[in-house]
Amino acid sequence: MTFLRRLASHSAALAAAAGLALSATGAAAQADYPSKAVRIIAPFPAGSGPDANARELAAELTKILGQSFYVENRPGASNIIGTEAAAKAPADGYSLYIGTTSSLSVVPHLYGKLPFNAERDFAPVSLLGVLNTGLIAHPGVQAKDARELIAQLKAKPESVAVATQGIGSYSHLSAVWFNNAAGVKSSLIPYNSNSPYSDLLAGQIQLMFDGLPAAASNVQAGKLKLLGITGKERHPSFPGVPTFAEQGLPDYTPIAWQGVLAPAGTPPAILDKLSAAMHKVCQSPDLARKWRDYGGELRCNTPAEFTAFINADRAMWGKVIRTAGVKLD
């Protein structure tokens, strides 16, 4: 063997040994995961309902995995600021992301250009839970359910005012979807900066579509009422409220959800460990009760199942948004 061949062979052997060493080091690091605090980037403000859910999740993961998990709020620009930060975070398992219906299913259809790709930039870990959507009404509304409201709107189009949290918001798109599904026309009133709930409670606005957590306590206190709720079955916390499917709208199915994702490229071993931890989170009876009390359901799944869930949800909202012709850029 010539000197050059011996040198090439020796170099190849060194490179292979180095690769094995790096692989072993990486495997050991993943086996020890997490060895330091883990941040969960949240694209919504501190003190909001989704933020409370995220902090409860962080507390559960801290107990299960033995390291501190904490929430870092990065709100603003229709969830875009926090989502971009999460998409560009190191893919090492120490930066996670709480994705939502808005951030990963709705926003990608509202803007032609985004600083992230909702499909390619994330590795789904697990769903955390789903929140049913309700048709929330002031008690003074005469209709006792959605079916009666539809009849009223067909007889007198735009005779009812529906509050929304701004053009392109979850509440706005849910209202548009309802109008299309029911073949009616209501008057949509956007609240771009202030919450419409104070006006809804005062009777200055009559109706609103929204996820149930923000309204649940007022509904249970009799200050607001529900005319309908999404879901395949009646919700155990609101057994007297008929589903929209019961009322002739089987294809009206908006739900709000939250779930855990990591930046794309996060090692599979870490994703598997996080997925197993999320399975334990969903076995918490206290957390399950909290979600159930405000109209939701704690629901975890595998990375593959969560990926399929997001893809289906994104496609569904895309159809709604295209039909409505809503664009924000």
Protein backbone atom coordinates (compact mmCIF):
# COMPACT_ATOMS: atom_id res chain seq x y z
CA MET A 1 0.00 0.00 0.00
CA THR A 2 1.37 3.37 -0.97
CA PHE A 3 1.90 6.12 1.56
CA LEU A 4 -1.03 8.12 0.18
CA ARG A 5 -3.38 5.15 0.39
CA ARG A 6 -2.24 4.39 3.94
CA LEU A 7 -2.82 8.05 4.85
CA ALA A 8 -6.30 8.03 3.29
CA SER A 9 -7.20 4.79 5.07
CA HIS A 10 -5.96 6.14 8.40
CA SER A 11 -7.94 9.38 7.93
CA ALA A 12 -11.10 7.45 7.11
CA ALA A 13 -10.69 5.36 10.24
CA LEU A 14 -10.23 8.47 12.37
CA ALA A 15 -13.32 10.05 10.83
CA ALA A 16 -15.39 6.93 11.47
CA ALA A 17 -14.20 6.79 15.08
CA ALA A 18 -15.01 10.46 15.53
CA GLY A 19 -18.49 9.90 14.06
CA LEU A 20 -19.12 7.02 16.44
CA ALA A 21 -17.97 9.13 19.36
CA LEU A 22 -20.25 11.99 18.37
CA SER A 23 -23.13 9.58 17.90
CA ALA A 24 -22.54 8.07 21.32
CA THR A 25 -22.33 11.51 22.87
CA GLY A 26 -25.57 12.58 21.18
CA ALA A 27 -27.34 9.40 22.27
CA ALA A 28 -26.16 9.91 25.84
CA ALA A 29 -27.35 13.52 25.80
CA GLN A 30 -30.77 12.43 24.56
CA ALA A 31 -30.95 9.66 27.17
CA ASP A 32 -30.25 12.23 29.90
CA TYR A 33 -32.84 14.65 28.53
CA PRO A 34 -33.80 16.98 30.05
CA SER A 35 -30.63 17.93 31.91
CA LYS A 36 -31.54 21.62 32.29
CA ALA A 37 -34.58 23.89 32.27
CA VAL A 38 -36.89 23.75 29.24
CA ARG A 39 -38.74 26.83 27.97
CA ILE A 40 -42.17 26.60 26.39
CA ILE A 41 -42.71 29.50 23.98
CA ALA A 42 -46.31 30.73 24.10
CA PRO A 43 -47.54 33.10 21.34
CA PHE A 44 -50.24 34.58 23.58
CA PRO A 45 -50.14 37.07 26.48
CA ALA A 46 -49.50 36.24 30.11
CA GLY A 47 -52.71 35.99 32.10
CA SER A 48 -54.83 34.79 29.18
CA GLY A 49 -56.79 31.53 29.22
CA PRO A 50 -54.34 29.71 26.93
CA ASP A 51 -51.49 30.97 29.12
CA ALA A 52 -53.08 29.40 32.21
CA ASN A 53 -53.31 26.08 30.37
CA ALA A 54 -49.66 26.36 29.31
CA ARG A 55 -48.50 27.03 32.87
CA GLU A 56 -50.46 24.08 34.20
CA LEU A 57 -48.83 21.94 31.54
CA ALA A 58 -45.37 23.24 32.48
CA ALA A 59 -46.01 22.32 36.12
CA GLU A 60 -47.05 18.79 35.14
CA LEU A 61 -44.01 18.26 32.89
CA THR A 62 -41.74 19.53 35.66
CA LYS A 63 -43.12 16.85 38.00
CA ILE A 64 -42.93 14.09 35.39
CA LEU A 65 -39.47 14.77 33.93
CA GLY A 66 -37.73 16.21 36.98
CA GLN A 67 -36.48 19.43 35.40
CA SER A 68 -38.00 22.89 35.33
CA PHE A 69 -40.35 23.63 32.43
CA TYR A 70 -41.37 27.29 32.20
CA VAL A 71 -43.52 29.45 29.91
CA GLU A 72 -42.01 32.31 27.92
CA ASN A 73 -44.77 34.55 26.54
CA ARG A 74 -44.07 36.03 23.10
CA PRO A 75 -47.44 37.56 22.08
CA GLY A 76 -48.29 39.88 19.22
CA ALA A 77 -49.06 40.14 15.51
CA SER A 78 -51.76 37.44 15.43
CA ASN A 79 -49.45 34.94 17.19
CA ILE A 80 -46.80 35.42 14.50
CA ILE A 81 -44.08 36.78 16.82
CA GLY A 82 -44.09 33.80 19.15
CA THR A 83 -44.51 31.27 16.36
CA GLU A 84 -41.52 32.68 14.47
CA ALA A 85 -39.41 32.59 17.64
CA ALA A 86 -40.29 28.95 18.18
CA ALA A 87 -39.68 27.99 14.55
CA LYS A 88 -36.16 29.49 14.70
CA ALA A 89 -35.25 28.15 18.16
CA PRO A 90 -32.51 25.49 18.54
CA ALA A 91 -33.79 22.00 17.76
CA ASP A 92 -32.34 20.47 20.91
CA GLY A 93 -35.45 19.83 22.98
CA TYR A 94 -34.91 22.80 25.29
CA SER A 95 -37.23 25.10 23.37
CA LEU A 96 -40.80 23.88 22.92
CA TYR A 97 -43.89 25.63 21.59
CA ILE A 98 -47.56 25.75 22.48
CA GLY A 99 -49.37 25.76 19.16
CA THR A 100 -53.04 26.70 18.79
CA THR A 101 -55.82 26.66 16.24
CA SER A 102 -55.10 30.28 15.46
CA SER A 103 -51.32 30.06 15.12
CA LEU A 104 -51.01 26.89 13.05
CA SER A 105 -54.40 26.33 11.37
CA VAL A 106 -55.83 29.81 10.77
CA VAL A 107 -52.96 32.32 10.44
CA PRO A 108 -51.22 30.44 7.57
CA HIS A 109 -54.31 31.04 5.42
CA LEU A 110 -54.74 34.70 6.35
CA TYR A 111 -51.29 35.94 5.32
CA GLY A 112 -49.60 35.44 1.98
CA LYS A 113 -46.11 35.75 3.47
CA LEU A 114 -45.02 34.57 6.91
CA PRO A 115 -41.58 34.33 8.56
CA PHE A 116 -42.16 30.63 9.21
CA ASN A 117 -43.70 27.61 7.52
CA ALA A 118 -46.35 26.11 9.78
CA GLU A 119 -46.05 22.68 8.17
CA ARG A 120 -42.28 22.29 7.76
CA ASP A 121 -40.79 24.23 10.69
CA PHE A 122 -42.27 22.19 13.53
CA ALA A 123 -42.18 18.64 14.87
CA PRO A 124 -45.52 17.90 16.57
CA VAL A 125 -45.25 16.17 19.96
CA SER A 126 -48.79 15.84 21.27
CA LEU A 127 -52.14 17.50 21.45
CA LEU A 128 -52.89 18.87 24.94
CA GLY A 129 -56.63 19.40 24.66
CA VAL A 130 -59.57 20.67 22.65
CA LEU A 131 -62.09 23.37 23.56
CA ASN A 132 -65.60 23.23 22.20
CA THR A 133 -67.04 26.33 20.59
CA GLY A 134 -70.32 27.74 21.79
CA LEU A 135 -72.96 30.10 20.45
CA ILE A 136 -73.02 32.39 23.48
CA ALA A 137 -76.03 34.65 24.03
CA HIS A 138 -77.25 37.33 26.39
CA PRO A 139 -80.20 35.94 28.40
CA GLY A 140 -82.45 38.51 26.75
CA VAL A 141 -82.14 36.78 23.36
CA GLN A 142 -85.53 35.19 22.68
CA ALA A 143 -84.22 32.15 20.78
CA LYS A 144 -83.77 29.18 23.09
CA ASP A 145 -81.36 27.39 20.77
CA ALA A 146 -79.50 27.70 17.46
CA ARG A 147 -82.38 26.21 15.51
CA GLU A 148 -84.73 29.01 16.62
CA LEU A 149 -82.05 31.62 15.91
CA ILE A 150 -81.61 30.29 12.37
CA ALA A 151 -85.35 30.52 11.80
CA GLN A 152 -85.32 34.12 13.04
CA LEU A 153 -82.40 35.07 10.78
CA LYS A 154 -84.01 33.46 7.76
CA ALA A 155 -87.16 35.47 8.39
CA LYS A 156 -85.27 38.69 9.14
CA PRO A 157 -81.66 38.70 7.84
CA GLU A 158 -79.17 40.76 9.89
CA SER A 159 -81.74 41.19 12.68
CA VAL A 160 -79.21 39.88 15.20
CA ALA A 161 -75.81 41.42 16.06
CA VAL A 162 -72.92 39.02 16.62
CA ALA A 163 -69.73 40.26 18.30
CA THR A 164 -66.33 39.11 17.03
CA GLN A 165 -62.81 39.71 18.30
CA GLY A 166 -61.71 41.31 15.03
CA ILE A 167 -61.52 40.32 11.37
CA GLY A 168 -59.78 36.97 10.97
CA SER A 169 -60.12 36.07 14.66
CA TYR A 170 -61.36 32.67 15.77
CA SER A 171 -64.69 34.14 16.85
CA HIS A 172 -65.12 35.98 13.53
CA LEU A 173 -64.34 32.96 11.38
CA SER A 174 -66.56 30.73 13.52
CA ALA A 175 -69.43 33.20 12.98
CA VAL A 176 -68.81 33.32 9.23
CA TRP A 177 -68.73 29.53 9.12
CA PHE A 178 -72.04 29.38 10.99
CA ASN A 179 -73.69 31.83 8.61
CA ASN A 180 -72.54 29.80 5.61
CA ALA A 181 -73.48 26.44 7.13
CA ALA A 182 -76.94 27.65 8.18
CA GLY A 183 -77.57 29.75 5.08
CA VAL A 184 -78.25 32.90 7.10
CA LYS A 185 -76.87 36.41 7.43
CA SER A 186 -76.18 38.04 10.79
CA SER A 187 -74.63 41.42 11.49
CA LEU A 188 -70.99 40.89 12.53
CA ILE A 189 -69.57 43.56 14.85
CA PRO A 190 -65.76 43.51 15.20
CA TYR A 191 -64.13 44.41 18.52
CA ASN A 192 -60.54 45.00 17.47
CA SER A 193 -58.97 46.02 20.78
CA ASN A 194 -61.43 45.46 23.63
CA SER A 195 -63.08 42.21 24.64
CA PRO A 196 -66.76 42.10 23.68
CA TYR A 197 -67.73 40.16 26.83
CA SER A 198 -68.54 43.26 28.90
CA ASP A 199 -70.96 44.46 26.22
CA LEU A 200 -72.38 40.95 25.86
CA LEU A 201 -73.02 40.75 29.61
CA ALA A 202 -74.62 44.20 29.54
CA GLY A 203 -76.90 43.24 26.66
CA GLN A 204 -75.41 45.84 24.31
CA ILE A 205 -74.49 43.01 21.96
CA GLN A 206 -76.57 39.87 21.64
CA LEU A 207 -74.42 36.97 20.52
CA MET A 208 -70.89 35.69 20.13
CA PHE A 209 -69.14 32.54 18.95
CA ASP A 210 -66.13 31.57 21.02
CA GLY A 211 -64.29 28.76 22.77
CA LEU A 212 -66.09 28.09 26.04
CA PRO A 213 -63.45 28.87 28.72
CA ALA A 214 -64.00 32.64 28.60
CA ALA A 215 -67.77 32.24 28.98
CA ALA A 216 -68.16 29.08 31.07
CA SER A 217 -68.39 30.71 34.52
CA ASN A 218 -70.93 33.30 33.34
CA VAL A 219 -73.00 30.60 31.64
CA GLN A 220 -72.99 28.50 34.81
CA ALA A 221 -74.00 31.59 36.81
CA GLY A 222 -76.92 32.31 34.47
CA LYS A 223 -75.46 35.60 33.25
CA LEU A 224 -75.08 34.22 29.72
CA LYS A 225 -76.64 31.26 27.95
CA LEU A 226 -75.57 28.78 25.28
CA LEU A 227 -77.70 28.16 22.20
CA GLY A 228 -75.48 25.42 20.82
CA ILE A 229 -72.12 23.73 21.25
CA THR A 230 -69.73 21.85 18.99
CA GLY A 231 -68.82 18.22 19.59
CA LYS A 232 -70.11 14.80 18.61
CA GLU A 233 -71.94 14.52 21.93
CA ARG A 234 -73.30 16.92 24.52
CA HIS A 235 -70.62 18.19 26.85
CA PRO A 236 -70.80 16.82 30.42
CA SER A 237 -70.45 20.32 31.91
CA PHE A 238 -73.37 21.61 29.78
CA PRO A 239 -75.68 18.59 29.40
CA GLY A 240 -78.72 20.74 28.67
CA VAL A 241 -77.13 22.42 25.65
CA PRO A 242 -77.77 20.66 22.31
CA THR A 243 -74.91 20.19 19.88
CA PHE A 244 -75.01 21.93 16.53
CA ALA A 245 -75.21 18.50 14.92
CA GLU A 246 -78.45 17.86 16.85
CA GLN A 247 -79.78 21.12 15.46
CA GLY A 248 -79.23 20.30 11.81
CA LEU A 249 -75.63 21.52 11.36
CA PRO A 250 -73.51 18.33 11.39
CA ASP A 251 -70.74 19.97 9.34
CA TYR A 252 -70.34 22.96 11.65
CA THR A 253 -67.40 21.73 13.70
CA PRO A 254 -65.02 24.52 14.83
CA ILE A 255 -62.94 23.63 17.88
CA ALA A 256 -60.08 25.46 19.55
CA TRP A 257 -57.06 23.37 20.50
CA GLN A 258 -53.66 23.61 22.14
CA GLY A 259 -50.73 21.27 21.67
CA VAL A 260 -46.99 20.89 22.15
CA LEU A 261 -44.51 21.10 19.29
CA ALA A 262 -40.75 21.33 18.94
CA PRO A 263 -38.64 22.96 16.23
CA ALA A 264 -38.17 20.75 13.18
CA GLY A 265 -35.01 18.65 13.47
CA THR A 266 -35.40 17.91 17.17
CA PRO A 267 -33.98 14.38 17.73
CA PRO A 268 -36.64 11.62 17.55
CA ALA A 269 -35.52 10.18 20.90
CA ILE A 270 -36.35 13.49 22.60
CA LEU A 271 -39.69 13.74 20.81
CA ASP A 272 -40.53 10.21 21.97
CA LYS A 273 -39.61 11.07 25.56
CA LEU A 274 -41.76 14.20 25.45
CA SER A 275 -44.63 12.27 23.88
CA ALA A 276 -44.50 9.69 26.69
CA ALA A 277 -44.50 12.53 29.24
CA MET A 278 -47.54 14.10 27.58
CA HIS A 279 -49.36 10.78 27.84
CA LYS A 280 -48.79 10.96 31.62
CA VAL A 281 -49.99 14.59 31.66
CA CYS A 282 -53.33 13.48 30.25
CA GLN A 283 -53.69 10.96 33.05
CA SER A 284 -53.90 13.80 35.60
CA PRO A 285 -57.43 13.74 37.07
CA ASP A 286 -57.11 17.32 38.36
CA LEU A 287 -56.09 18.68 34.96
CA ALA A 288 -58.79 16.67 33.20
CA ARG A 289 -61.40 18.09 35.60
CA LYS A 290 -60.25 21.68 34.95
CA TRP A 291 -60.51 21.26 31.19
CA ARG A 292 -63.90 19.57 31.51
CA ASP A 293 -65.28 22.30 33.82
CA TYR A 294 -64.77 25.04 31.25
CA GLY A 295 -66.07 23.13 28.27
CA GLY A 296 -62.98 21.37 27.03
CA GLU A 297 -61.40 17.96 26.97
CA LEU A 298 -57.84 17.02 27.92
CA ARG A 299 -56.65 14.89 25.00
CA CYS A 300 -53.10 13.75 24.21
CA ASN A 301 -51.92 11.69 21.24
CA THR A 302 -48.79 10.50 19.42
CA PRO A 303 -46.61 12.73 17.20
CA ALA A 304 -48.02 11.02 14.08
CA GLU A 305 -51.60 11.43 15.28
CA PHE A 306 -51.02 15.07 16.19
CA THR A 307 -49.48 15.76 12.79
CA ALA A 308 -52.53 14.28 11.06
CA PHE A 309 -54.84 16.26 13.38
CA ILE A 310 -53.15 19.59 12.58
CA ASN A 311 -53.12 18.89 8.84
CA ALA A 312 -56.85 18.10 8.84
CA ASP A 313 -57.68 21.14 10.98
CA ARG A 314 -55.57 23.45 8.80
CA ALA A 315 -57.29 22.18 5.66
CA MET A 316 -60.72 22.66 7.25
CA TRP A 317 -60.03 26.27 8.24
CA GLY A 318 -58.47 26.93 4.86
CA LYS A 319 -61.76 26.05 3.20
CA VAL A 320 -63.68 28.32 5.58
CA ILE A 321 -61.31 31.24 5.00
CA ARG A 322 -61.30 30.86 1.21
CA THR A 323 -65.09 30.74 1.18
CA ALA A 324 -65.22 33.89 3.32
CA GLY A 325 -62.60 35.63 1.17
CA VAL A 326 -60.71 36.86 4.24
CA LYS A 327 -57.10 38.08 3.86
CA LEU A 328 -55.07 40.20 6.25
CA ASP A 329 -52.19 41.31 4.01
